[in-house]
Protein backbone atom coordinates (compact mmCIF):
# COMPACT_ATOMS: atom_id res chain seq x y z
CA MET A 1 -3.67 -15.22 -7.64
CA THR A 2 -3.11 -12.61 -5.15
CA VAL A 3 -1.62 -9.17 -5.52
CA TYR A 4 -0.73 -6.18 -3.24
CA LEU A 5 -2.06 -2.92 -3.80
CA TRP A 6 0.03 -0.12 -2.40
CA GLN A 7 -0.55 3.54 -2.24
CA ALA A 8 1.59 6.40 -0.85
CA ASP A 9 0.18 9.85 -0.28
CA GLY A 10 1.77 13.10 0.20
CA PRO A 11 0.93 16.93 0.41
CA ARG A 12 1.48 17.21 -3.12
CA GLN A 13 1.14 14.11 -5.02
CA GLY A 14 0.34 10.32 -4.57
CA ALA A 15 1.61 6.76 -6.14
CA ARG A 16 0.32 3.65 -6.41
CA GLY A 17 0.93 0.61 -7.84
CA VAL A 18 0.34 -3.29 -7.91
CA SER A 19 2.93 -6.10 -6.99
CA ASP A 20 2.96 -10.17 -7.13
CA ASP A 21 5.13 -9.81 -3.60
CA GLU A 22 4.19 -8.29 -0.40
CA ARG A 23 7.58 -7.11 0.22
CA ARG A 24 8.08 -5.67 -2.99
CA ALA A 25 4.91 -3.60 -2.41
CA ARG A 26 5.83 -2.45 1.01
CA ARG A 27 9.26 -1.28 0.25
CA ALA A 28 7.45 0.80 -2.77
CA ALA A 29 5.48 2.71 -0.26
CA ALA A 30 8.02 2.84 2.82
CA ASP A 31 10.60 4.22 0.36
CA LEU A 32 8.26 7.43 -0.35
CA LEU A 33 7.37 7.54 3.21
CA ARG A 34 11.02 7.65 4.08
CA SER A 35 11.98 10.31 1.59
CA GLY A 36 9.22 12.36 2.94
CA GLN A 37 7.31 12.41 -0.41
CA ALA A 38 4.59 10.95 1.22
CA SER A 39 3.15 11.33 4.69
CA THR A 40 0.94 7.87 4.48
CA ALA A 41 1.50 4.39 2.92
CA VAL A 42 -0.99 1.54 2.62
CA VAL A 43 -0.61 -2.03 1.31
CA GLU A 44 -3.59 -4.01 0.97
CA GLU A 45 -3.97 -7.80 -0.28
CA ALA A 46 -6.50 -8.40 -3.33
CA ALA A 47 -7.45 -10.51 -6.00
CA PRO A 48 -7.70 -9.47 -9.70
CA ASP A 49 -10.99 -9.38 -11.15
CA LEU A 50 -10.30 -12.03 -13.78
CA GLY A 51 -13.80 -11.91 -15.60
CA GLY A 52 -13.13 -7.95 -16.95
CA LEU A 53 -11.33 -7.44 -20.02
CA THR A 54 -8.12 -6.00 -18.90
CA LEU A 55 -6.38 -6.26 -15.35
CA THR A 56 -7.28 -2.58 -14.87
CA ASP A 57 -10.88 -3.57 -14.31
CA GLY A 58 -10.80 -3.86 -10.89
CA TYR A 59 -9.46 -5.78 -7.55
CA TYR A 60 -11.40 -7.81 -4.80
CA PRO A 61 -9.82 -6.90 -1.23
CA SER A 62 -9.20 -9.51 1.07
CA GLY A 63 -9.59 -7.48 3.83
CA LEU A 64 -6.07 -8.03 4.88
CA ARG A 65 -4.35 -4.35 4.88
CA TRP A 66 -1.23 -2.74 6.61
CA GLN A 67 -0.69 0.94 7.13
CA ALA A 68 2.94 2.31 8.09
CA THR A 69 4.26 4.85 10.04
CA ARG A 70 7.78 6.34 10.32
CA VAL A 71 9.41 5.70 13.57
CA GLY A 72 11.78 8.24 14.66
CA THR A 73 14.20 10.20 12.42
CA HIS A 74 16.30 7.59 11.00
CA GLY A 75 13.91 6.25 8.34
CA ARG A 76 12.60 3.73 10.26
CA VAL A 77 9.10 2.34 8.79
CA ARG A 78 6.75 0.14 11.33
CA TRP A 79 3.62 -1.50 9.51
CA MET A 80 0.41 -2.39 11.59
CA PRO A 81 -2.37 -4.49 10.66
CA VAL A 82 -5.51 -2.26 10.43
CA ARG A 83 -9.21 -3.62 9.28
CA ALA A 84 -9.87 -2.58 5.64
CA GLY A 85 -11.73 0.35 5.39
CA THR A 86 -10.23 2.46 8.08
CA VAL A 87 -6.95 4.16 8.18
CA THR A 88 -5.31 5.51 11.43
CA GLN A 89 -2.94 8.67 11.46
């Protein structure tokens, strides 16, 4: 089972979630970036820790990770692959 962990952080608050679909995860994070509620957005592929008692026990990142940047003033978002453990501004 593959899941996509998304996170969007802004100056006042942040949001995060888990999706079973990469496009939905990117859309959720990008919407917050486009609206100005977030200044960074990241999606990371992972597998859930199925040995735990609940789904919130943890995830194992696969190493595939993408970071979003806003492009221009028209709300366009570009996703770029990055190595896990690094975040570029």
